[in-house]
Amino acid sequence: MNLRFAFAVNNESHFEDRFFGDADRFIIYQLVSGQLEQIYEVVNDNKSELKENNSDNNEKVDILIKNLLENDIKVIVSKQFGENIRIVNEYFIPVIISSESPEEAVGIINRHIHWIKDELNNFSSGYKLFTIKSGILKSSVEDRN
C-alpha cells in the first residue's frame, strides 16, 4: 500500500492554527517499512492564486483535492479543518494535530499507524476524523461542531 501524508505547515515548517488549505506548504511523507519518511515538500501555490482571484470556496476545495490526488495523498494533517472537512473526508483521512512540530506528529502517527491503515482497509470514502495529542482519537466528521 502506497500510504502518503500531506502535513500543512507554514514557511518555517511548523503547524499553525489555520485551515489545511491555507497552509504555506505541504510536507509529503510516505510510509516506508512501517515508518513515515519525508519524501518532498511542495509550496501551496493555490493559496495565493485563489486569494488573488477571489475564487469561491468550492473552486478552492476542488483544486486542493485535485492536487492532493495527483500526489497520491491518502492522509491530510493540520491543526485545523473548516467546514470543507465534510468534502475532503470523502477522499482523504483528516488528522488534527495539537503539536507545532511535524517531527513530534510523525512519532505519534508511527506509534498508531495501525489505526490509519485500518481506516483505509475498511473504508473507501467518508473517512473518520483522527485527533492526535499524546495519543490518537477517531471520531465521525458529523460529530464536529
N, C-alpha and C. Protein backbone atom coordinates (compact mmCIF):
# COMPACT_ATOMS: atom_id res chain seq x y z
N MET A 1 0.85 -1.18 0.00
CA MET A 1 0.00 0.00 0.00
C MET A 1 0.89 1.24 0.00
N ASN A 2 0.66 2.14 -0.96
CA ASN A 2 1.39 3.40 -1.02
C ASN A 2 0.65 4.40 -0.14
N LEU A 3 1.14 4.65 1.05
CA LEU A 3 0.45 5.50 2.02
C LEU A 3 1.20 6.80 2.18
N ARG A 4 0.61 7.88 1.62
CA ARG A 4 1.23 9.20 1.69
C ARG A 4 0.40 10.16 2.51
N PHE A 5 1.10 11.01 3.24
CA PHE A 5 0.51 12.02 4.12
C PHE A 5 0.94 13.40 3.63
N ALA A 6 0.05 14.39 3.75
CA ALA A 6 0.39 15.79 3.49
C ALA A 6 0.22 16.56 4.80
N PHE A 7 1.33 17.11 5.30
CA PHE A 7 1.31 17.92 6.52
C PHE A 7 1.21 19.38 6.11
N ALA A 8 0.22 20.10 6.59
CA ALA A 8 0.01 21.52 6.28
C ALA A 8 0.83 22.37 7.25
N VAL A 9 1.88 23.02 6.73
CA VAL A 9 2.79 23.78 7.60
C VAL A 9 3.00 25.20 7.06
N ASN A 10 3.61 26.02 7.90
CA ASN A 10 3.97 27.38 7.49
C ASN A 10 5.35 27.35 6.83
N ASN A 11 5.86 28.51 6.49
CA ASN A 11 7.16 28.59 5.82
C ASN A 11 8.32 28.19 6.72
N GLU A 12 8.09 28.11 8.02
CA GLU A 12 9.13 27.66 8.96
C GLU A 12 8.98 26.17 9.28
N SER A 13 8.13 25.49 8.53
CA SER A 13 7.89 24.04 8.69
C SER A 13 7.28 23.67 10.04
N HIS A 14 6.37 24.51 10.53
CA HIS A 14 5.63 24.22 11.75
C HIS A 14 4.14 24.26 11.45
N PHE A 15 3.39 23.48 12.22
CA PHE A 15 1.93 23.55 12.12
C PHE A 15 1.49 24.87 12.73
N GLU A 16 0.46 25.48 12.16
CA GLU A 16 -0.12 26.72 12.67
C GLU A 16 -1.62 26.55 12.83
N ASP A 17 -2.22 27.44 13.61
CA ASP A 17 -3.67 27.43 13.79
C ASP A 17 -4.34 28.06 12.58
N ARG A 18 -4.34 27.31 11.48
CA ARG A 18 -5.05 27.73 10.27
C ARG A 18 -5.54 26.49 9.56
N PHE A 19 -6.50 26.70 8.67
CA PHE A 19 -7.10 25.57 7.96
C PHE A 19 -6.09 24.93 7.01
N PHE A 20 -6.32 23.66 6.72
CA PHE A 20 -5.41 22.89 5.87
C PHE A 20 -5.13 23.60 4.55
N GLY A 21 -6.14 24.05 3.86
CA GLY A 21 -5.97 24.68 2.55
C GLY A 21 -5.28 26.02 2.58
N ASP A 22 -5.14 26.61 3.77
CA ASP A 22 -4.48 27.90 3.92
C ASP A 22 -3.00 27.78 4.30
N ALA A 23 -2.48 26.57 4.30
CA ALA A 23 -1.07 26.35 4.65
C ALA A 23 -0.16 26.98 3.60
N ASP A 24 1.03 27.39 4.04
CA ASP A 24 2.04 27.91 3.10
C ASP A 24 2.62 26.79 2.25
N ARG A 25 2.82 25.62 2.90
CA ARG A 25 3.47 24.49 2.23
C ARG A 25 2.88 23.19 2.75
N PHE A 26 3.15 22.14 2.01
CA PHE A 26 2.79 20.79 2.44
C PHE A 26 4.06 19.94 2.45
N ILE A 27 4.32 19.30 3.58
CA ILE A 27 5.41 18.33 3.66
C ILE A 27 4.78 16.98 3.39
N ILE A 28 5.32 16.28 2.40
CA ILE A 28 4.77 14.98 2.00
C ILE A 28 5.62 13.87 2.61
N TYR A 29 4.94 12.99 3.33
CA TYR A 29 5.57 11.83 3.95
C TYR A 29 5.00 10.58 3.31
N GLN A 30 5.79 9.53 3.31
CA GLN A 30 5.33 8.23 2.83
C GLN A 30 5.70 7.17 3.86
N LEU A 31 4.82 6.20 4.01
CA LEU A 31 5.09 5.09 4.92
C LEU A 31 6.06 4.14 4.24
N VAL A 32 7.24 3.97 4.85
CA VAL A 32 8.29 3.11 4.32
C VAL A 32 8.71 2.17 5.45
N SER A 33 8.55 0.89 5.24
CA SER A 33 8.92 -0.13 6.24
C SER A 33 8.32 0.19 7.61
N GLY A 34 7.05 0.62 7.61
CA GLY A 34 6.34 0.86 8.86
C GLY A 34 6.61 2.20 9.52
N GLN A 35 7.40 3.07 8.89
CA GLN A 35 7.73 4.38 9.47
C GLN A 35 7.50 5.47 8.43
N LEU A 36 7.03 6.63 8.88
CA LEU A 36 6.87 7.76 7.97
C LEU A 36 8.22 8.38 7.66
N GLU A 37 8.45 8.61 6.38
CA GLU A 37 9.67 9.28 5.93
C GLU A 37 9.29 10.44 5.03
N GLN A 38 9.93 11.59 5.26
CA GLN A 38 9.68 12.74 4.41
C GLN A 38 10.24 12.47 3.03
N ILE A 39 9.41 12.71 1.99
CA ILE A 39 9.89 12.47 0.63
C ILE A 39 10.04 13.75 -0.18
N TYR A 40 9.22 14.77 0.09
CA TYR A 40 9.39 16.06 -0.56
C TYR A 40 8.47 17.09 0.07
N GLU A 41 8.64 18.34 -0.34
CA GLU A 41 7.79 19.44 0.09
C GLU A 41 7.26 20.16 -1.14
N VAL A 42 6.07 20.70 -1.02
CA VAL A 42 5.51 21.50 -2.11
C VAL A 42 4.95 22.80 -1.54
N VAL A 43 5.15 23.87 -2.28
CA VAL A 43 4.57 25.16 -1.90
C VAL A 43 3.10 25.12 -2.30
N ASN A 44 2.26 25.67 -1.46
CA ASN A 44 0.83 25.73 -1.73
C ASN A 44 0.55 26.94 -2.63
N ASP A 45 0.91 26.82 -3.90
CA ASP A 45 0.72 27.90 -4.86
C ASP A 45 -0.75 28.29 -5.00
N ASN A 46 -1.63 27.34 -4.83
CA ASN A 46 -3.05 27.61 -4.99
C ASN A 46 -3.58 28.57 -3.93
N LYS A 47 -2.94 28.61 -2.78
CA LYS A 47 -3.38 29.51 -1.71
C LYS A 47 -3.36 30.95 -2.18
N SER A 48 -2.24 31.42 -2.67
CA SER A 48 -2.14 32.81 -3.10
C SER A 48 -2.91 33.04 -4.40
N GLU A 49 -2.89 32.08 -5.29
CA GLU A 49 -3.60 32.21 -6.57
C GLU A 49 -5.10 32.37 -6.33
N LEU A 50 -5.63 31.57 -5.42
CA LEU A 50 -7.06 31.64 -5.15
C LEU A 50 -7.44 32.94 -4.45
N LYS A 51 -6.58 33.43 -3.56
CA LYS A 51 -6.87 34.69 -2.88
C LYS A 51 -6.85 35.84 -3.88
N GLU A 52 -5.87 35.84 -4.80
CA GLU A 52 -5.78 36.91 -5.79
C GLU A 52 -6.99 36.91 -6.71
N ASN A 53 -7.48 35.74 -7.06
CA ASN A 53 -8.61 35.65 -7.98
C ASN A 53 -9.95 35.71 -7.27
N ASN A 54 -9.92 35.82 -5.93
CA ASN A 54 -11.15 35.82 -5.13
C ASN A 54 -12.05 34.64 -5.50
N SER A 55 -11.44 33.50 -5.68
CA SER A 55 -12.18 32.30 -6.07
C SER A 55 -13.13 31.88 -4.96
N ASP A 56 -14.21 31.27 -5.37
CA ASP A 56 -15.15 30.82 -4.36
C ASP A 56 -14.64 29.56 -3.67
N ASN A 57 -15.29 29.23 -2.58
CA ASN A 57 -14.86 28.13 -1.73
C ASN A 57 -14.87 26.79 -2.46
N ASN A 58 -15.90 26.55 -3.29
CA ASN A 58 -15.98 25.27 -4.00
C ASN A 58 -14.82 25.09 -4.96
N GLU A 59 -14.43 26.15 -5.63
CA GLU A 59 -13.29 26.06 -6.55
C GLU A 59 -12.01 25.77 -5.78
N LYS A 60 -11.85 26.41 -4.63
CA LYS A 60 -10.66 26.19 -3.80
C LYS A 60 -10.57 24.73 -3.38
N VAL A 61 -11.67 24.18 -2.93
CA VAL A 61 -11.68 22.78 -2.50
C VAL A 61 -11.41 21.85 -3.66
N ASP A 62 -12.03 22.12 -4.80
CA ASP A 62 -11.82 21.26 -5.98
C ASP A 62 -10.36 21.25 -6.42
N ILE A 63 -9.73 22.42 -6.44
CA ILE A 63 -8.32 22.50 -6.84
C ILE A 63 -7.44 21.77 -5.83
N LEU A 64 -7.71 21.97 -4.54
CA LEU A 64 -6.93 21.30 -3.50
C LEU A 64 -7.06 19.78 -3.61
N ILE A 65 -8.27 19.29 -3.76
CA ILE A 65 -8.50 17.85 -3.88
C ILE A 65 -7.76 17.30 -5.10
N LYS A 66 -7.87 17.97 -6.23
CA LYS A 66 -7.19 17.53 -7.45
C LYS A 66 -5.69 17.44 -7.24
N ASN A 67 -5.09 18.47 -6.64
CA ASN A 67 -3.64 18.47 -6.41
C ASN A 67 -3.21 17.37 -5.45
N LEU A 68 -3.98 17.13 -4.41
CA LEU A 68 -3.64 16.07 -3.47
C LEU A 68 -3.76 14.70 -4.11
N LEU A 69 -4.81 14.49 -4.89
CA LEU A 69 -4.97 13.21 -5.57
C LEU A 69 -3.84 12.96 -6.57
N GLU A 70 -3.41 14.01 -7.27
CA GLU A 70 -2.30 13.88 -8.22
C GLU A 70 -1.00 13.48 -7.51
N ASN A 71 -0.87 13.84 -6.24
CA ASN A 71 0.32 13.47 -5.45
C ASN A 71 0.10 12.19 -4.67
N ASP A 72 -1.00 11.48 -4.94
CA ASP A 72 -1.31 10.19 -4.33
C ASP A 72 -1.40 10.28 -2.80
N ILE A 73 -1.93 11.40 -2.30
CA ILE A 73 -2.08 11.60 -0.86
C ILE A 73 -3.30 10.84 -0.37
N LYS A 74 -3.17 10.21 0.79
CA LYS A 74 -4.28 9.49 1.41
C LYS A 74 -4.70 10.11 2.75
N VAL A 75 -3.75 10.82 3.42
CA VAL A 75 -4.00 11.36 4.75
C VAL A 75 -3.56 12.82 4.76
N ILE A 76 -4.43 13.70 5.30
CA ILE A 76 -4.09 15.12 5.41
C ILE A 76 -4.03 15.52 6.88
N VAL A 77 -2.98 16.25 7.25
CA VAL A 77 -2.69 16.55 8.65
C VAL A 77 -2.58 18.06 8.83
N SER A 78 -3.34 18.60 9.79
CA SER A 78 -3.35 20.03 10.04
C SER A 78 -3.77 20.29 11.48
N LYS A 79 -3.57 21.53 11.94
CA LYS A 79 -4.07 21.92 13.27
C LYS A 79 -5.56 22.21 13.23
N GLN A 80 -6.07 22.56 12.05
CA GLN A 80 -7.49 22.90 11.93
C GLN A 80 -8.05 22.45 10.59
N PHE A 81 -9.34 22.18 10.60
CA PHE A 81 -10.10 21.98 9.37
C PHE A 81 -11.38 22.79 9.50
N GLY A 82 -11.84 23.35 8.41
CA GLY A 82 -13.09 24.09 8.41
C GLY A 82 -14.23 23.19 7.95
N GLU A 83 -15.29 23.83 7.49
CA GLU A 83 -16.47 23.11 7.01
C GLU A 83 -16.15 22.18 5.84
N ASN A 84 -15.10 22.47 5.11
CA ASN A 84 -14.75 21.65 3.95
C ASN A 84 -14.32 20.24 4.33
N ILE A 85 -14.14 19.99 5.61
CA ILE A 85 -13.77 18.64 6.04
C ILE A 85 -14.84 17.64 5.60
N ARG A 86 -16.08 18.09 5.48
CA ARG A 86 -17.17 17.20 5.06
C ARG A 86 -17.05 16.81 3.58
N ILE A 87 -16.25 17.55 2.84
CA ILE A 87 -15.99 17.23 1.44
C ILE A 87 -14.70 16.42 1.32
N VAL A 88 -13.64 16.90 1.95
CA VAL A 88 -12.34 16.26 1.78
C VAL A 88 -12.27 14.88 2.43
N ASN A 89 -13.09 14.63 3.45
CA ASN A 89 -13.03 13.30 4.08
C ASN A 89 -13.63 12.22 3.19
N GLU A 90 -14.21 12.61 2.07
CA GLU A 90 -14.65 11.62 1.08
C GLU A 90 -13.44 11.04 0.33
N TYR A 91 -12.33 11.77 0.32
CA TYR A 91 -11.13 11.39 -0.43
C TYR A 91 -9.93 11.06 0.45
N PHE A 92 -9.84 11.73 1.61
CA PHE A 92 -8.65 11.65 2.46
C PHE A 92 -9.05 11.46 3.92
N ILE A 93 -8.16 10.82 4.67
CA ILE A 93 -8.35 10.73 6.12
C ILE A 93 -7.84 12.03 6.72
N PRO A 94 -8.71 12.81 7.39
CA PRO A 94 -8.25 14.06 8.03
C PRO A 94 -7.71 13.78 9.43
N VAL A 95 -6.59 14.40 9.74
CA VAL A 95 -5.97 14.25 11.05
C VAL A 95 -5.72 15.64 11.62
N ILE A 96 -6.25 15.90 12.82
CA ILE A 96 -5.98 17.14 13.54
C ILE A 96 -4.84 16.87 14.50
N ILE A 97 -3.83 17.74 14.45
CA ILE A 97 -2.64 17.59 15.29
C ILE A 97 -2.59 18.74 16.28
N SER A 98 -2.18 18.48 17.51
CA SER A 98 -2.06 19.56 18.50
C SER A 98 -0.65 20.13 18.56
N SER A 99 0.29 19.40 18.04
CA SER A 99 1.70 19.80 18.07
C SER A 99 2.00 20.85 17.02
N GLU A 100 3.05 21.62 17.24
CA GLU A 100 3.55 22.53 16.21
C GLU A 100 4.65 21.87 15.38
N SER A 101 5.16 20.76 15.86
CA SER A 101 6.32 20.11 15.25
C SER A 101 5.90 18.91 14.41
N PRO A 102 6.24 18.91 13.11
CA PRO A 102 5.98 17.73 12.29
C PRO A 102 6.70 16.48 12.81
N GLU A 103 7.90 16.66 13.36
CA GLU A 103 8.65 15.51 13.89
C GLU A 103 7.90 14.84 15.03
N GLU A 104 7.30 15.63 15.92
CA GLU A 104 6.52 15.07 17.02
C GLU A 104 5.29 14.34 16.47
N ALA A 105 4.63 14.94 15.48
CA ALA A 105 3.46 14.31 14.86
C ALA A 105 3.83 12.98 14.21
N VAL A 106 4.97 12.95 13.53
CA VAL A 106 5.44 11.71 12.89
C VAL A 106 5.63 10.62 13.93
N GLY A 107 6.23 10.96 15.07
CA GLY A 107 6.44 9.97 16.13
C GLY A 107 5.13 9.38 16.63
N ILE A 108 4.15 10.23 16.85
CA ILE A 108 2.85 9.75 17.35
C ILE A 108 2.14 8.93 16.27
N ILE A 109 2.15 9.42 15.04
CA ILE A 109 1.50 8.67 13.95
C ILE A 109 2.17 7.32 13.75
N ASN A 110 3.49 7.27 13.81
CA ASN A 110 4.20 5.99 13.67
C ASN A 110 3.75 4.98 14.72
N ARG A 111 3.52 5.46 15.95
CA ARG A 111 3.09 4.55 17.02
C ARG A 111 1.65 4.06 16.84
N HIS A 112 0.86 4.82 16.09
CA HIS A 112 -0.55 4.48 15.93
C HIS A 112 -0.95 4.27 14.47
N ILE A 113 0.01 3.94 13.63
CA ILE A 113 -0.24 3.82 12.19
C ILE A 113 -1.28 2.74 11.88
N HIS A 114 -1.40 1.76 12.75
CA HIS A 114 -2.39 0.70 12.51
C HIS A 114 -3.82 1.26 12.43
N TRP A 115 -4.11 2.36 13.14
CA TRP A 115 -5.44 2.97 13.07
C TRP A 115 -5.70 3.55 11.68
N ILE A 116 -4.69 4.20 11.12
CA ILE A 116 -4.82 4.79 9.80
C ILE A 116 -4.98 3.68 8.75
N LYS A 117 -4.14 2.66 8.83
CA LYS A 117 -4.23 1.53 7.90
C LYS A 117 -5.60 0.86 7.98
N ASP A 118 -6.08 0.68 9.21
CA ASP A 118 -7.38 0.06 9.42
C ASP A 118 -8.49 0.88 8.74
N GLU A 119 -8.43 2.20 8.87
CA GLU A 119 -9.43 3.06 8.24
C GLU A 119 -9.40 2.91 6.72
N LEU A 120 -8.21 2.91 6.14
CA LEU A 120 -8.09 2.76 4.68
C LEU A 120 -8.52 1.38 4.20
N ASN A 121 -8.23 0.36 4.98
CA ASN A 121 -8.60 -1.00 4.59
C ASN A 121 -10.10 -1.25 4.68
N ASN A 122 -10.78 -0.55 5.59
CA ASN A 122 -12.20 -0.81 5.83
C ASN A 122 -13.15 0.16 5.13
N PHE A 123 -12.64 1.28 4.63
CA PHE A 123 -13.50 2.29 4.00
C PHE A 123 -12.82 2.81 2.74
N SER A 124 -13.65 3.24 1.78
CA SER A 124 -13.11 3.83 0.56
C SER A 124 -13.45 5.31 0.45
N SER A 125 -14.29 5.80 1.36
CA SER A 125 -14.63 7.22 1.43
C SER A 125 -15.36 7.45 2.75
N GLY A 126 -15.71 8.71 3.02
CA GLY A 126 -16.40 9.01 4.27
C GLY A 126 -15.56 8.66 5.48
N TYR A 127 -14.27 8.98 5.41
CA TYR A 127 -13.33 8.60 6.46
C TYR A 127 -13.61 9.33 7.77
N LYS A 128 -13.25 8.71 8.86
CA LYS A 128 -13.36 9.31 10.19
C LYS A 128 -12.26 10.35 10.37
N LEU A 129 -12.49 11.24 11.31
CA LEU A 129 -11.52 12.26 11.69
C LEU A 129 -10.66 11.71 12.82
N PHE A 130 -9.35 11.83 12.68
CA PHE A 130 -8.42 11.42 13.73
C PHE A 130 -7.89 12.68 14.41
N THR A 131 -7.86 12.65 15.74
CA THR A 131 -7.31 13.76 16.52
C THR A 131 -6.12 13.24 17.30
N ILE A 132 -4.97 13.88 17.12
CA ILE A 132 -3.74 13.42 17.77
C ILE A 132 -3.27 14.45 18.78
N LYS A 133 -3.13 14.00 20.01
CA LYS A 133 -2.46 14.80 21.04
C LYS A 133 -1.28 13.94 21.48
N SER A 134 -1.34 13.36 22.65
CA SER A 134 -0.28 12.41 23.02
C SER A 134 -0.65 11.01 22.54
N GLY A 135 -1.93 10.82 22.25
CA GLY A 135 -2.43 9.58 21.68
C GLY A 135 -3.25 9.92 20.46
N ILE A 136 -4.18 9.02 20.10
CA ILE A 136 -4.97 9.23 18.89
C ILE A 136 -6.43 8.92 19.18
N LEU A 137 -7.35 9.73 18.65
CA LEU A 137 -8.78 9.56 18.83
C LEU A 137 -9.44 9.58 17.46
N LYS A 138 -10.33 8.62 17.21
CA LYS A 138 -11.03 8.56 15.93
C LYS A 138 -12.49 8.92 16.19
N SER A 139 -13.05 9.86 15.38
CA SER A 139 -14.45 10.26 15.56
C SER A 139 -15.08 10.55 14.21
N SER A 140 -16.39 10.60 14.19
CA SER A 140 -17.13 10.88 12.97
C SER A 140 -16.99 12.36 12.61
N VAL A 141 -16.88 12.66 11.35
CA VAL A 141 -16.80 14.05 10.90
C VAL A 141 -18.09 14.77 11.26
N GLU A 142 -19.22 14.11 11.20
CA GLU A 142 -20.51 14.72 11.53
C GLU A 142 -20.58 15.16 12.99
N ASP A 143 -19.76 14.57 13.86
CA ASP A 143 -19.78 14.90 15.28
C ASP A 143 -19.11 16.23 15.58
N ARG A 144 -18.39 16.81 14.61
CA ARG A 144 -17.68 18.07 14.83
C ARG A 144 -18.64 19.22 14.89
N ASN A 145 -18.42 20.13 15.81
CA ASN A 145 -19.23 21.36 15.90
C ASN A 145 -18.37 22.56 15.59
